[in-house]
Amino acid sequence: MSTPERSDLKRARLRQPGVSVPSPCINVCRLDERSGRCVGCLRTLAEIGAWSRLSDADKLAVWAQLETRETIAE
């Protein structure tokens, strides 16, 4: 199975203009049973569910964690 082309914050901002902190979702929504993270955006189910209620600072913190998870996933 190929790895999806994940977004970075800069590309996400281009896809979602006018949004201060865009979602990392790339519409590949499937949870990995082993890690408990979405195989598309690498967020946990809790992060996905809370996204619309998070402050911009908290959303940016999730983005920072995703960069670390991306490195580990490779």
Foldseek 3Di string as FASTA:
>chain_A
DDQDDWDAQVVQCVVPPPDPGGDRAPPQADADPVPCAGSHRRHHPVCVVCVVVDDPVVSVVVSVVSVVVVVVVD
